[in-house]
Amino acid sequence: MLCQIEEALKGNEVILVKAGKPVARLVAYRGPSRPRRPGCMADEISIAADFGLIPDDIAKKFGINNETDATAARHPRTGLVARGQSFTG
């Protein structure tokens, strides 16, 4: 297997076979084409105010009361709701 890896590192495509049938293609990993830029979609995507809230009918099945659950905390960045927790940031 080591020589197949060396071939892939040279830029060659290696086909791995089992019982004479191809099962995998081995190529050198080159990483992402460009580094990821966090925040590049800032101000282009928004999260709805009610995102993360559980609909009342489903919440009831899990014993959650959306209106009286005073321990619900909303994450300041994502807006996700965590009940019985607080978010620190």
PDB file of N, CA and C in Angstrom:
ATOM      1  N   MET A   1       0.825  -1.197   0.000  1.00  0.00           N
ATOM      2  CA  MET A   1       0.000   0.000   0.000  1.00  0.00           C
ATOM      3  C   MET A   1       0.868   1.259   0.000  1.00  0.00           C
ATOM      4  N   LEU A   2       2.054   1.178   0.593  1.00  0.00           N
ATOM      5  CA  LEU A   2       2.937   2.332   0.655  1.00  0.00           C
ATOM      6  C   LEU A   2       3.332   2.823  -0.740  1.00  0.00           C
ATOM      7  N   CYS A   3       3.586   1.903  -1.656  1.00  0.00           N
ATOM      8  CA  CYS A   3       3.976   2.338  -3.006  1.00  0.00           C
ATOM      9  C   CYS A   3       2.795   2.998  -3.728  1.00  0.00           C
ATOM     10  N   GLN A   4       1.554   2.578  -3.435  1.00  0.00           N
ATOM     11  CA  GLN A   4       0.387   3.227  -4.038  1.00  0.00           C
ATOM     12  C   GLN A   4       0.250   4.663  -3.512  1.00  0.00           C
ATOM     13  N   ILE A   5       0.531   4.841  -2.220  1.00  0.00           N
ATOM     14  CA  ILE A   5       0.467   6.185  -1.654  1.00  0.00           C
ATOM     15  C   ILE A   5       1.525   7.071  -2.296  1.00  0.00           C
ATOM     16  N   GLU A   6       2.712   6.534  -2.471  1.00  0.00           N
ATOM     17  CA  GLU A   6       3.787   7.300  -3.113  1.00  0.00           C
ATOM     18  C   GLU A   6       3.387   7.704  -4.533  1.00  0.00           C
ATOM     19  N   GLU A   7       2.728   6.809  -5.255  1.00  0.00           N
ATOM     20  CA  GLU A   7       2.268   7.130  -6.612  1.00  0.00           C
ATOM     21  C   GLU A   7       1.254   8.275  -6.582  1.00  0.00           C
ATOM     22  N   ALA A   8       0.340   8.226  -5.616  1.00  0.00           N
ATOM     23  CA  ALA A   8      -0.660   9.288  -5.496  1.00  0.00           C
ATOM     24  C   ALA A   8       0.014  10.618  -5.170  1.00  0.00           C
ATOM     25  N   LEU A   9       1.019  10.587  -4.306  1.00  0.00           N
ATOM     26  CA  LEU A   9       1.740  11.818  -3.960  1.00  0.00           C
ATOM     27  C   LEU A   9       2.466  12.412  -5.161  1.00  0.00           C
ATOM     28  N   LYS A  10       2.829  11.584  -6.117  1.00  0.00           N
ATOM     29  CA  LYS A  10       3.483  12.070  -7.334  1.00  0.00           C
ATOM     30  C   LYS A  10       2.480  12.726  -8.286  1.00  0.00           C
ATOM     31  N   GLY A  11       1.188  12.617  -7.966  1.00  0.00           N
ATOM     32  CA  GLY A  11       0.162  13.198  -8.821  1.00  0.00           C
ATOM     33  C   GLY A  11      -0.584  12.183  -9.651  1.00  0.00           C
ATOM     34  N   ASN A  12      -0.258  10.912  -9.487  1.00  0.00           N
ATOM     35  CA  ASN A  12      -0.939   9.864 -10.251  1.00  0.00           C
ATOM     36  C   ASN A  12      -2.198   9.403  -9.525  1.00  0.00           C
ATOM     37  N   GLU A  13      -3.192   9.019 -10.289  1.00  0.00           N
ATOM     38  CA  GLU A  13      -4.414   8.444  -9.721  1.00  0.00           C
ATOM     39  C   GLU A  13      -4.202   6.945  -9.616  1.00  0.00           C
ATOM     40  N   VAL A  14      -4.521   6.382  -8.437  1.00  0.00           N
ATOM     41  CA  VAL A  14      -4.364   4.951  -8.198  1.00  0.00           C
ATOM     42  C   VAL A  14      -5.743   4.357  -7.962  1.00  0.00           C
ATOM     43  N   ILE A  15      -6.096   3.322  -8.707  1.00  0.00           N
ATOM     44  CA  ILE A  15      -7.368   2.636  -8.530  1.00  0.00           C
ATOM     45  C   ILE A  15      -7.116   1.391  -7.683  1.00  0.00           C
ATOM     46  N   LEU A  16      -7.814   1.281  -6.560  1.00  0.00           N
ATOM     47  CA  LEU A  16      -7.702   0.105  -5.706  1.00  0.00           C
ATOM     48  C   LEU A  16      -8.761  -0.905  -6.131  1.00  0.00           C
ATOM     49  N   VAL A  17      -8.357  -2.153  -6.255  1.00  0.00           N
ATOM     50  CA  VAL A  17      -9.272  -3.194  -6.725  1.00  0.00           C
ATOM     51  C   VAL A  17      -9.365  -4.324  -5.708  1.00  0.00           C
ATOM     52  N   LYS A  18     -10.517  -4.984  -5.725  1.00  0.00           N
ATOM     53  CA  LYS A  18     -10.726  -6.171  -4.898  1.00  0.00           C
ATOM     54  C   LYS A  18     -11.388  -7.204  -5.794  1.00  0.00           C
ATOM     55  N   ALA A  19     -10.803  -8.363  -5.884  1.00  0.00           N
ATOM     56  CA  ALA A  19     -11.305  -9.432  -6.751  1.00  0.00           C
ATOM     57  C   ALA A  19     -11.441  -8.947  -8.190  1.00  0.00           C
ATOM     58  N   GLY A  20     -10.506  -8.109  -8.606  1.00  0.00           N
ATOM     59  CA  GLY A  20     -10.503  -7.632  -9.977  1.00  0.00           C
ATOM     60  C   GLY A  20     -11.484  -6.515 -10.272  1.00  0.00           C
ATOM     61  N   LYS A  21     -12.214  -6.020  -9.249  1.00  0.00           N
ATOM     62  CA  LYS A  21     -13.187  -4.947  -9.474  1.00  0.00           C
ATOM     63  C   LYS A  21     -12.729  -3.688  -8.736  1.00  0.00           C
ATOM     64  N   PRO A  22     -12.800  -2.536  -9.403  1.00  0.00           N
ATOM     65  CA  PRO A  22     -12.399  -1.295  -8.749  1.00  0.00           C
ATOM     66  C   PRO A  22     -13.307  -0.975  -7.559  1.00  0.00           C
ATOM     67  N   VAL A  23     -12.693  -0.589  -6.425  1.00  0.00           N
ATOM     68  CA  VAL A  23     -13.480  -0.249  -5.236  1.00  0.00           C
ATOM     69  C   VAL A  23     -13.186   1.154  -4.714  1.00  0.00           C
ATOM     70  N   ALA A  24     -12.032   1.723  -5.069  1.00  0.00           N
ATOM     71  CA  ALA A  24     -11.696   3.055  -4.578  1.00  0.00           C
ATOM     72  C   ALA A  24     -10.685   3.713  -5.504  1.00  0.00           C
ATOM     73  N   ARG A  25     -10.683   5.029  -5.437  1.00  0.00           N
ATOM     74  CA  ARG A  25      -9.726   5.819  -6.206  1.00  0.00           C
ATOM     75  C   ARG A  25      -8.875   6.583  -5.212  1.00  0.00           C
ATOM     76  N   LEU A  26      -7.575   6.494  -5.323  1.00  0.00           N
ATOM     77  CA  LEU A  26      -6.644   7.148  -4.406  1.00  0.00           C
ATOM     78  C   LEU A  26      -5.947   8.286  -5.141  1.00  0.00           C
ATOM     79  N   VAL A  27      -6.111   9.495  -4.618  1.00  0.00           N
ATOM     80  CA  VAL A  27      -5.451  10.671  -5.184  1.00  0.00           C
ATOM     81  C   VAL A  27      -4.814  11.463  -4.053  1.00  0.00           C
ATOM     82  N   ALA A  28      -3.841  12.259  -4.356  1.00  0.00           N
ATOM     83  CA  ALA A  28      -3.186  13.078  -3.342  1.00  0.00           C
ATOM     84  C   ALA A  28      -4.153  14.142  -2.830  1.00  0.00           C
ATOM     85  N   TYR A  29      -4.135  14.366  -1.535  1.00  0.00           N
ATOM     86  CA  TYR A  29      -4.968  15.405  -0.930  1.00  0.00           C
ATOM     87  C   TYR A  29      -4.280  16.748  -1.109  1.00  0.00           C
ATOM     88  N   ARG A  30      -4.983  17.685  -1.674  1.00  0.00           N
ATOM     89  CA  ARG A  30      -4.406  19.003  -1.928  1.00  0.00           C
ATOM     90  C   ARG A  30      -4.982  20.083  -1.024  1.00  0.00           C
ATOM     91  N   GLY A  31      -5.955  19.737  -0.193  1.00  0.00           N
ATOM     92  CA  GLY A  31      -6.562  20.721   0.704  1.00  0.00           C
ATOM     93  C   GLY A  31      -7.541  21.624  -0.023  1.00  0.00           C
ATOM     94  N   PRO A  32      -8.132  22.558   0.712  1.00  0.00           N
ATOM     95  CA  PRO A  32      -9.088  23.461   0.074  1.00  0.00           C
ATOM     96  C   PRO A  32      -8.389  24.339  -0.958  1.00  0.00           C
ATOM     97  N   SER A  33      -9.133  24.729  -1.993  1.00  0.00           N
ATOM     98  CA  SER A  33      -8.543  25.526  -3.061  1.00  0.00           C
ATOM     99  C   SER A  33      -8.122  26.908  -2.564  1.00  0.00           C
ATOM    100  N   ARG A  34      -8.821  27.415  -1.565  1.00  0.00           N
ATOM    101  CA  ARG A  34      -8.425  28.684  -0.947  1.00  0.00           C
ATOM    102  C   ARG A  34      -8.845  28.650   0.516  1.00  0.00           C
ATOM    103  N   PRO A  35      -8.144  29.379   1.356  1.00  0.00           N
ATOM    104  CA  PRO A  35      -8.498  29.367   2.781  1.00  0.00           C
ATOM    105  C   PRO A  35      -9.892  29.934   3.013  1.00  0.00           C
ATOM    106  N   ARG A  36     -10.577  29.381   3.983  1.00  0.00           N
ATOM    107  CA  ARG A  36     -11.912  29.845   4.328  1.00  0.00           C
ATOM    108  C   ARG A  36     -11.804  31.197   5.011  1.00  0.00           C
ATOM    109  N   ARG A  37     -12.698  32.107   4.652  1.00  0.00           N
ATOM    110  CA  ARG A  37     -12.737  33.434   5.265  1.00  0.00           C
ATOM    111  C   ARG A  37     -13.965  33.544   6.155  1.00  0.00           C
ATOM    112  N   PRO A  38     -13.815  33.357   7.469  1.00  0.00           N
ATOM    113  CA  PRO A  38     -14.978  33.457   8.350  1.00  0.00           C
ATOM    114  C   PRO A  38     -15.626  34.835   8.235  1.00  0.00           C
ATOM    115  N   GLY A  39     -16.938  34.826   8.249  1.00  0.00           N
ATOM    116  CA  GLY A  39     -17.670  36.085   8.207  1.00  0.00           C
ATOM    117  C   GLY A  39     -17.896  36.647   6.822  1.00  0.00           C
ATOM    118  N   CYS A  40     -17.542  35.900   5.781  1.00  0.00           N
ATOM    119  CA  CYS A  40     -17.673  36.438   4.426  1.00  0.00           C
ATOM    120  C   CYS A  40     -19.140  36.633   4.017  1.00  0.00           C
ATOM    121  N   MET A  41     -20.073  36.019   4.749  1.00  0.00           N
ATOM    122  CA  MET A  41     -21.493  36.184   4.438  1.00  0.00           C
ATOM    123  C   MET A  41     -22.187  37.103   5.454  1.00  0.00           C
ATOM    124  N   ALA A  42     -21.405  37.832   6.240  1.00  0.00           N
ATOM    125  CA  ALA A  42     -21.978  38.727   7.248  1.00  0.00           C
ATOM    126  C   ALA A  42     -22.957  39.690   6.582  1.00  0.00           C
ATOM    127  N   ASP A  43     -24.064  39.918   7.241  1.00  0.00           N
ATOM    128  CA  ASP A  43     -25.129  40.812   6.775  1.00  0.00           C
ATOM    129  C   ASP A  43     -25.868  40.308   5.540  1.00  0.00           C
ATOM    130  N   GLU A  44     -25.548  39.103   5.068  1.00  0.00           N
ATOM    131  CA  GLU A  44     -26.260  38.542   3.922  1.00  0.00           C
ATOM    132  C   GLU A  44     -27.207  37.424   4.347  1.00  0.00           C
ATOM    133  N   ILE A  45     -26.992  36.896   5.547  1.00  0.00           N
ATOM    134  CA  ILE A  45     -27.827  35.818   6.073  1.00  0.00           C
ATOM    135  C   ILE A  45     -28.376  36.259   7.415  1.00  0.00           C
ATOM    136  N   SER A  46     -29.648  36.012   7.633  1.00  0.00           N
ATOM    137  CA  SER A  46     -30.228  36.347   8.932  1.00  0.00           C
ATOM    138  C   SER A  46     -30.975  35.133   9.476  1.00  0.00           C
ATOM    139  N   ILE A  47     -31.109  35.107  10.785  1.00  0.00           N
ATOM    140  CA  ILE A  47     -31.820  34.019  11.450  1.00  0.00           C
ATOM    141  C   ILE A  47     -33.117  34.584  11.993  1.00  0.00           C
ATOM    142  N   ALA A  48     -34.213  33.925  11.686  1.00  0.00           N
ATOM    143  CA  ALA A  48     -35.521  34.380  12.135  1.00  0.00           C
ATOM    144  C   ALA A  48     -35.579  34.439  13.658  1.00  0.00           C
ATOM    145  N   ALA A  49     -36.328  35.386  14.178  1.00  0.00           N
ATOM    146  CA  ALA A  49     -36.431  35.582  15.623  1.00  0.00           C
ATOM    147  C   ALA A  49     -36.949  34.337  16.334  1.00  0.00           C
ATOM    148  N   ASP A  50     -37.777  33.550  15.664  1.00  0.00           N
ATOM    149  CA  ASP A  50     -38.333  32.365  16.312  1.00  0.00           C
ATOM    150  C   ASP A  50     -37.542  31.095  15.995  1.00  0.00           C
ATOM    151  N   PHE A  51     -36.391  31.234  15.344  1.00  0.00           N
ATOM    152  CA  PHE A  51     -35.572  30.064  15.035  1.00  0.00           C
ATOM    153  C   PHE A  51     -35.130  29.403  16.324  1.00  0.00           C
ATOM    154  N   GLY A  52     -35.280  28.106  16.412  1.00  0.00           N
ATOM    155  CA  GLY A  52     -34.865  27.365  17.594  1.00  0.00           C
ATOM    156  C   GLY A  52     -35.991  27.148  18.590  1.00  0.00           C
ATOM    157  N   LEU A  53     -37.084  27.871  18.426  1.00  0.00           N
ATOM    158  CA  LEU A  53     -38.226  27.640  19.313  1.00  0.00           C
ATOM    159  C   LEU A  53     -38.956  26.383  18.861  1.00  0.00           C
ATOM    160  N   ILE A  54     -39.402  25.625  19.814  1.00  0.00           N
ATOM    161  CA  ILE A  54     -40.112  24.388  19.512  1.00  0.00           C
ATOM    162  C   ILE A  54     -41.595  24.703  19.385  1.00  0.00           C
ATOM    163  N   PRO A  55     -42.247  24.264  18.316  1.00  0.00           N
ATOM    164  CA  PRO A  55     -43.687  24.490  18.190  1.00  0.00           C
ATOM    165  C   PRO A  55     -44.423  23.938  19.415  1.00  0.00           C
ATOM    166  N   ASP A  56     -45.473  24.644  19.839  1.00  0.00           N
ATOM    167  CA  ASP A  56     -46.180  24.303  21.072  1.00  0.00           C
ATOM    168  C   ASP A  56     -46.634  22.850  21.130  1.00  0.00           C
ATOM    169  N   ASP A  57     -47.180  22.312  20.017  1.00  0.00           N
ATOM    170  CA  ASP A  57     -47.684  20.942  20.047  1.00  0.00           C
ATOM    171  C   ASP A  57     -46.554  19.934  20.285  1.00  0.00           C
ATOM    172  N   ILE A  58     -45.392  20.190  19.727  1.00  0.00           N
ATOM    173  CA  ILE A  58     -44.257  19.281  19.925  1.00  0.00           C
ATOM    174  C   ILE A  58     -43.655  19.496  21.311  1.00  0.00           C
ATOM    175  N   ALA A  59     -43.540  20.759  21.732  1.00  0.00           N
ATOM    176  CA  ALA A  59     -42.992  21.056  23.061  1.00  0.00           C
ATOM    177  C   ALA A  59     -43.817  20.366  24.145  1.00  0.00           C
ATOM    178  N   LYS A  60     -45.131  20.367  23.975  1.00  0.00           N
ATOM    179  CA  LYS A  60     -46.018  19.743  24.967  1.00  0.00           C
ATOM    180  C   LYS A  60     -45.717  18.248  25.102  1.00  0.00           C
ATOM    181  N   LYS A  61     -45.428  17.587  23.997  1.00  0.00           N
ATOM    182  CA  LYS A  61     -45.120  16.159  24.039  1.00  0.00           C
ATOM    183  C   LYS A  61     -43.837  15.874  24.816  1.00  0.00           C
ATOM    184  N   PHE A  62     -42.937  16.864  24.891  1.00  0.00           N
ATOM    185  CA  PHE A  62     -41.683  16.704  25.621  1.00  0.00           C
ATOM    186  C   PHE A  62     -41.735  17.346  27.003  1.00  0.00           C
ATOM    187  N   GLY A  63     -42.918  17.830  27.386  1.00  0.00           N
ATOM    188  CA  GLY A  63     -43.072  18.424  28.711  1.00  0.00           C
ATOM    189  C   GLY A  63     -42.496  19.823  28.827  1.00  0.00           C
ATOM    190  N   ILE A  64     -42.398  20.528  27.708  1.00  0.00           N
ATOM    191  CA  ILE A  64     -41.865  21.884  27.706  1.00  0.00           C
ATOM    192  C   ILE A  64     -43.017  22.853  27.507  1.00  0.00           C
ATOM    193  N   ASN A  65     -43.029  23.917  28.299  1.00  0.00           N
ATOM    194  CA  ASN A  65     -44.055  24.947  28.145  1.00  0.00           C
ATOM    195  C   ASN A  65     -43.351  26.207  27.666  1.00  0.00           C
ATOM    196  N   ASN A  66     -43.533  26.569  26.410  1.00  0.00           N
ATOM    197  CA  ASN A  66     -42.852  27.724  25.821  1.00  0.00           C
ATOM    198  C   ASN A  66     -43.161  29.031  26.542  1.00  0.00           C
ATOM    199  N   GLU A  67     -44.370  29.160  27.081  1.00  0.00           N
ATOM    200  CA  GLU A  67     -44.760  30.430  27.681  1.00  0.00           C
ATOM    201  C   GLU A  67     -44.300  30.576  29.121  1.00  0.00           C
ATOM    202  N   THR A  68     -44.192  29.485  29.864  1.00  0.00           N
ATOM    203  CA  THR A  68     -43.828  29.614  31.277  1.00  0.00           C
ATOM    204  C   THR A  68     -42.400  29.179  31.566  1.00  0.00           C
ATOM    205  N   ASP A  69     -41.677  28.758  30.552  1.00  0.00           N
ATOM    206  CA  ASP A  69     -40.299  28.323  30.762  1.00  0.00           C
ATOM    207  C   ASP A  69     -39.400  29.555  30.875  1.00  0.00           C
ATOM    208  N   ALA A  70     -39.233  30.035  32.095  1.00  0.00           N
ATOM    209  CA  ALA A  70     -38.467  31.257  32.333  1.00  0.00           C
ATOM    210  C   ALA A  70     -36.973  31.035  32.223  1.00  0.00           C
ATOM    211  N   THR A  71     -36.538  29.772  32.124  1.00  0.00           N
ATOM    212  CA  THR A  71     -35.103  29.506  32.066  1.00  0.00           C
ATOM    213  C   THR A  71     -34.576  29.474  30.640  1.00  0.00           C
ATOM    214  N   ALA A  72     -35.430  29.772  29.666  1.00  0.00           N
ATOM    215  CA  ALA A  72     -34.966  29.744  28.283  1.00  0.00           C
ATOM    216  C   ALA A  72     -33.962  30.860  28.054  1.00  0.00           C
ATOM    217  N   ALA A  73     -32.885  30.540  27.382  1.00  0.00           N
ATOM    218  CA  ALA A  73     -31.851  31.540  27.073  1.00  0.00           C
ATOM    219  C   ALA A  73     -31.601  31.535  25.577  1.00  0.00           C
ATOM    220  N   ARG A  74     -31.470  32.694  25.004  1.00  0.00           N
ATOM    221  CA  ARG A  74     -31.206  32.809  23.575  1.00  0.00           C
ATOM    222  C   ARG A  74     -29.743  33.182  23.385  1.00  0.00           C
ATOM    223  N   HIS A  75     -29.059  32.409  22.542  1.00  0.00           N
ATOM    224  CA  HIS A  75     -27.648  32.669  22.267  1.00  0.00           C
ATOM    225  C   HIS A  75     -27.531  34.020  21.566  1.00  0.00           C
ATOM    226  N   PRO A  76     -26.630  34.902  22.026  1.00  0.00           N
ATOM    227  CA  PRO A  76     -26.570  36.255  21.469  1.00  0.00           C
ATOM    228  C   PRO A  76     -26.169  36.317  19.999  1.00  0.00           C
ATOM    229  N   ARG A  77     -25.390  35.359  19.508  1.00  0.00           N
ATOM    230  CA  ARG A  77     -24.943  35.401  18.120  1.00  0.00           C
ATOM    231  C   ARG A  77     -25.843  34.599  17.205  1.00  0.00           C
ATOM    232  N   THR A  78     -26.206  33.363  17.606  1.00  0.00           N
ATOM    233  CA  THR A  78     -26.957  32.486  16.718  1.00  0.00           C
ATOM    234  C   THR A  78     -28.457  32.594  16.899  1.00  0.00           C
ATOM    235  N   GLY A  79     -28.900  33.031  18.074  1.00  0.00           N
ATOM    236  CA  GLY A  79     -30.323  33.115  18.334  1.00  0.00           C
ATOM    237  C   GLY A  79     -30.941  31.794  18.741  1.00  0.00           C
ATOM    238  N   LEU A  80     -30.137  30.723  18.852  1.00  0.00           N
ATOM    239  CA  LEU A  80     -30.669  29.433  19.260  1.00  0.00           C
ATOM    240  C   LEU A  80     -31.116  29.482  20.706  1.00  0.00           C
ATOM    241  N   VAL A  81     -32.126  28.719  21.025  1.00  0.00           N
ATOM    242  CA  VAL A  81     -32.679  28.718  22.372  1.00  0.00           C
ATOM    243  C   VAL A  81     -32.238  27.468  23.105  1.00  0.00           C
ATOM    244  N   ALA A  82     -31.736  27.654  24.313  1.00  0.00           N
ATOM    245  CA  ALA A  82     -31.369  26.534  25.170  1.00  0.00           C
ATOM    246  C   ALA A  82     -32.145  26.672  26.464  1.00  0.00           C
ATOM    247  N   ARG A  83     -32.914  25.694  26.801  1.00  0.00           N
ATOM    248  CA  ARG A  83     -33.716  25.771  28.005  1.00  0.00           C
ATOM    249  C   ARG A  83     -32.930  25.221  29.183  1.00  0.00           C
ATOM    250  N   GLY A  84     -32.975  25.934  30.299  1.00  0.00           N
ATOM    251  CA  GLY A  84     -32.290  25.484  31.493  1.00  0.00           C
ATOM    252  C   GLY A  84     -30.793  25.760  31.455  1.00  0.00           C
ATOM    253  N   GLN A  85     -30.334  26.568  30.518  1.00  0.00           N
ATOM    254  CA  GLN A  85     -28.922  26.893  30.399  1.00  0.00           C
ATOM    255  C   GLN A  85     -28.780  28.397  30.188  1.00  0.00           C
ATOM    256  N   SER A  86     -27.578  28.875  30.341  1.00  0.00           N
ATOM    257  CA  SER A  86     -27.299  30.237  29.932  1.00  0.00           C
ATOM    258  C   SER A  86     -26.094  30.201  29.005  1.00  0.00           C
ATOM    259  N   PHE A  87     -26.033  31.151  28.121  1.00  0.00           N
ATOM    260  CA  PHE A  87     -24.927  31.189  27.177  1.00  0.00           C
ATOM    261  C   PHE A  87     -23.904  32.190  27.686  1.00  0.00           C
ATOM    262  N   THR A  88     -22.642  31.843  27.550  1.00  0.00           N
ATOM    263  CA  THR A  88     -21.579  32.789  27.867  1.00  0.00           C
ATOM    264  C   THR A  88     -20.789  33.010  26.606  1.00  0.00           C
ATOM    265  N   GLY A  89     -20.283  34.156  26.438  1.00  0.00           N
ATOM    266  CA  GLY A  89     -19.657  34.361  25.174  1.00  0.00           C
ATOM    267  C   GLY A  89     -18.398  35.087  25.205  1.00  0.00           C
TER     268      GLY A  89
END
